[in-house]
C-alpha atoms as a PDB file:
ATOM      1  CA  MET A   1      10.788 -42.519 -23.371  1.00  0.00           C
ATOM      2  CA  ASN A   2      13.642 -39.637 -24.409  1.00  0.00           C
ATOM      3  CA  LYS A   3      12.602 -36.440 -22.484  1.00  0.00           C
ATOM      4  CA  THR A   4      14.530 -33.367 -23.266  1.00  0.00           C
ATOM      5  CA  ASN A   5      15.473 -31.806 -19.626  1.00  0.00           C
ATOM      6  CA  LYS A   6      14.769 -28.191 -19.978  1.00  0.00           C
ATOM      7  CA  LYS A   7      15.145 -25.290 -17.081  1.00  0.00           C
ATOM      8  CA  ARG A   8      12.382 -23.656 -16.538  1.00  0.00           C
ATOM      9  CA  LYS A   9      12.930 -20.091 -17.105  1.00  0.00           C
ATOM     10  CA  HIS A  10      12.864 -17.837 -14.052  1.00  0.00           C
ATOM     11  CA  ARG A  11      10.623 -14.907 -14.129  1.00  0.00           C
ATOM     12  CA  SER A  12      12.532 -11.918 -12.512  1.00  0.00           C
ATOM     13  CA  TYR A  13      10.999  -9.493 -10.257  1.00  0.00           C
ATOM     14  CA  LYS A  14      11.582  -6.380 -10.003  1.00  0.00           C
ATOM     15  CA  TYR A  15      11.686  -4.597  -6.095  1.00  0.00           C
ATOM     16  CA  HIS A  16      10.875  -1.161  -5.458  1.00  0.00           C
ATOM     17  CA  ALA A  17      12.391  -0.369  -1.691  1.00  0.00           C
ATOM     18  CA  VAL A  18      10.424   1.468   0.449  1.00  0.00           C
ATOM     19  CA  SER A  19      10.995   3.336   3.765  1.00  0.00           C
ATOM     20  CA  PHE A  20       9.714   5.511   6.561  1.00  0.00           C
ATOM     21  CA  LYS A  21      10.521   6.689  10.054  1.00  0.00           C
ATOM     22  CA  LEU A  22       8.632   5.319  12.935  1.00  0.00           C
ATOM     23  CA  SER A  23       9.517   7.091  16.417  1.00  0.00           C
ATOM     24  CA  HIS A  24      11.336   5.197  19.285  1.00  0.00           C
ATOM     25  CA  GLY A  25       8.049   4.288  20.745  1.00  0.00           C
ATOM     26  CA  GLN A  26       6.264   3.453  17.646  1.00  0.00           C
ATOM     27  CA  TYR A  27       9.552   1.121  16.829  1.00  0.00           C
ATOM     28  CA  LYS A  28       9.704  -0.023  20.484  1.00  0.00           C
ATOM     29  CA  SER A  29       5.669  -1.131  20.045  1.00  0.00           C
ATOM     30  CA  LEU A  30       5.963  -3.181  16.832  1.00  0.00           C
ATOM     31  CA  THR A  31       8.473  -4.973  18.318  1.00  0.00           C
ATOM     32  CA  ASN A  32       6.479  -6.173  21.273  1.00  0.00           C
ATOM     33  CA  TYR A  33       3.399  -6.799  19.091  1.00  0.00           C
ATOM     34  CA  CYS A  34       5.679  -8.785  16.444  1.00  0.00           C
ATOM     35  CA  LYS A  35       6.851 -10.820  19.332  1.00  0.00           C
ATOM     36  CA  ALA A  36       3.159 -11.436  21.262  1.00  0.00           C
ATOM     37  CA  ARG A  37       1.809 -12.280  17.804  1.00  0.00           C
ATOM     38  CA  LYS A  38       4.824 -14.528  15.874  1.00  0.00           C
ATOM     39  CA  THR A  39       5.855 -13.110  13.026  1.00  0.00           C
ATOM     40  CA  THR A  40       8.109 -10.378  11.894  1.00  0.00           C
ATOM     41  CA  PRO A  41       8.036  -6.088  11.296  1.00  0.00           C
ATOM     42  CA  ILE A  42       7.652  -6.470   7.592  1.00  0.00           C
ATOM     43  CA  LYS A  43       5.369  -9.609   7.186  1.00  0.00           C
ATOM     44  CA  LEU A  44       2.720  -7.515  10.050  1.00  0.00           C
ATOM     45  CA  ILE A  45       3.186  -4.209   7.760  1.00  0.00           C
ATOM     46  CA  LYS A  46       3.029  -5.932   4.212  1.00  0.00           C
ATOM     47  CA  LYS A  47      -0.726  -7.764   5.197  1.00  0.00           C
ATOM     48  CA  ASN A  48      -2.532  -4.817   6.652  1.00  0.00           C
ATOM     49  CA  ILE A  49      -1.587  -3.130   3.072  1.00  0.00           C
ATOM     50  CA  GLU A  50      -2.007  -5.725   1.233  1.00  0.00           C
ATOM     51  CA  ARG A  51      -5.333  -4.666   0.494  1.00  0.00           C
ATOM     52  CA  PHE A  52      -3.794  -0.973  -1.468  1.00  0.00           C
ATOM     53  CA  ILE A  53      -0.695  -3.049  -3.152  1.00  0.00           C
ATOM     54  CA  SER A  54      -2.513  -5.843  -4.612  1.00  0.00           C
ATOM     55  CA  HIS A  55      -5.646  -4.906  -6.803  1.00  0.00           C
ATOM     56  CA  TYR A  56      -4.547  -1.237  -7.771  1.00  0.00           C
ATOM     57  CA  GLU A  57      -1.533  -2.532 -10.367  1.00  0.00           C
ATOM     58  CA  TYR A  58      -3.497  -1.101 -13.867  1.00  0.00           C
ATOM     59  CA  GLY A  59      -5.788   0.908 -12.583  1.00  0.00           C
ATOM     60  CA  VAL A  60      -7.885   2.865  -9.795  1.00  0.00           C
ATOM     61  CA  PRO A  61     -11.279   2.567 -10.520  1.00  0.00           C
ATOM     62  CA  GLU A  62     -13.238   6.048 -10.912  1.00  0.00           C
ATOM     63  CA  GLU A  63     -14.914   6.424  -7.712  1.00  0.00           C
ATOM     64  CA  LEU A  64     -12.161   5.845  -5.481  1.00  0.00           C
ATOM     65  CA  TYR A  65     -10.078   9.112  -6.046  1.00  0.00           C
ATOM     66  CA  LEU A  66     -11.222  12.139  -4.147  1.00  0.00           C
ATOM     67  CA  CYS A  67     -12.827  15.353  -5.731  1.00  0.00           C
ATOM     68  CA  GLU A  68     -12.752  18.479  -4.753  1.00  0.00           C
ATOM     69  CA  ASN A  69     -15.852  19.082  -2.234  1.00  0.00           C
ATOM     70  CA  GLN A  70     -14.921  22.660  -1.667  1.00  0.00           C
ATOM     71  CA  LEU A  71     -17.672  25.367  -0.439  1.00  0.00           C
ATOM     72  CA  ASN A  72     -18.659  28.087  -2.878  1.00  0.00           C
ATOM     73  CA  LEU A  73     -20.117  30.119   0.239  1.00  0.00           C
ATOM     74  CA  PHE A  74     -17.926  33.875  -1.644  1.00  0.00           C
ATOM     75  CA  ASP A  75     -19.587  32.726  -5.155  1.00  0.00           C
ATOM     76  CA  GLU A  76     -23.677  32.451  -3.533  1.00  0.00           C
ATOM     77  CA  PHE A  77     -22.566  35.980  -1.407  1.00  0.00           C
ATOM     78  CA  ALA A  78     -21.265  37.958  -4.625  1.00  0.00           C
ATOM     79  CA  GLU A  79     -24.706  36.325  -6.495  1.00  0.00           C
ATOM     80  CA  ASN A  80     -27.352  37.688  -3.430  1.00  0.00           C
ATOM     81  CA  ASP A  81     -25.931  41.309  -4.063  1.00  0.00           C
END
């Protein structure tokens, strides 16, 4: 058996940085919660937003888009005159 040892081609991933600001109290609360749950803030945040970052890579279903539900009070008022 003469098999050639070919290295598998590694897939390169593109990562994007996302940043946001927390107040001192929010950050302290986050770190305390993470210590209690023995996790990291990044893992906690990723776990909580997982349903938003996993299922919509190629598109969002129409029923999830927001529609404009504005009252047409002035249109009805003009029709009654």
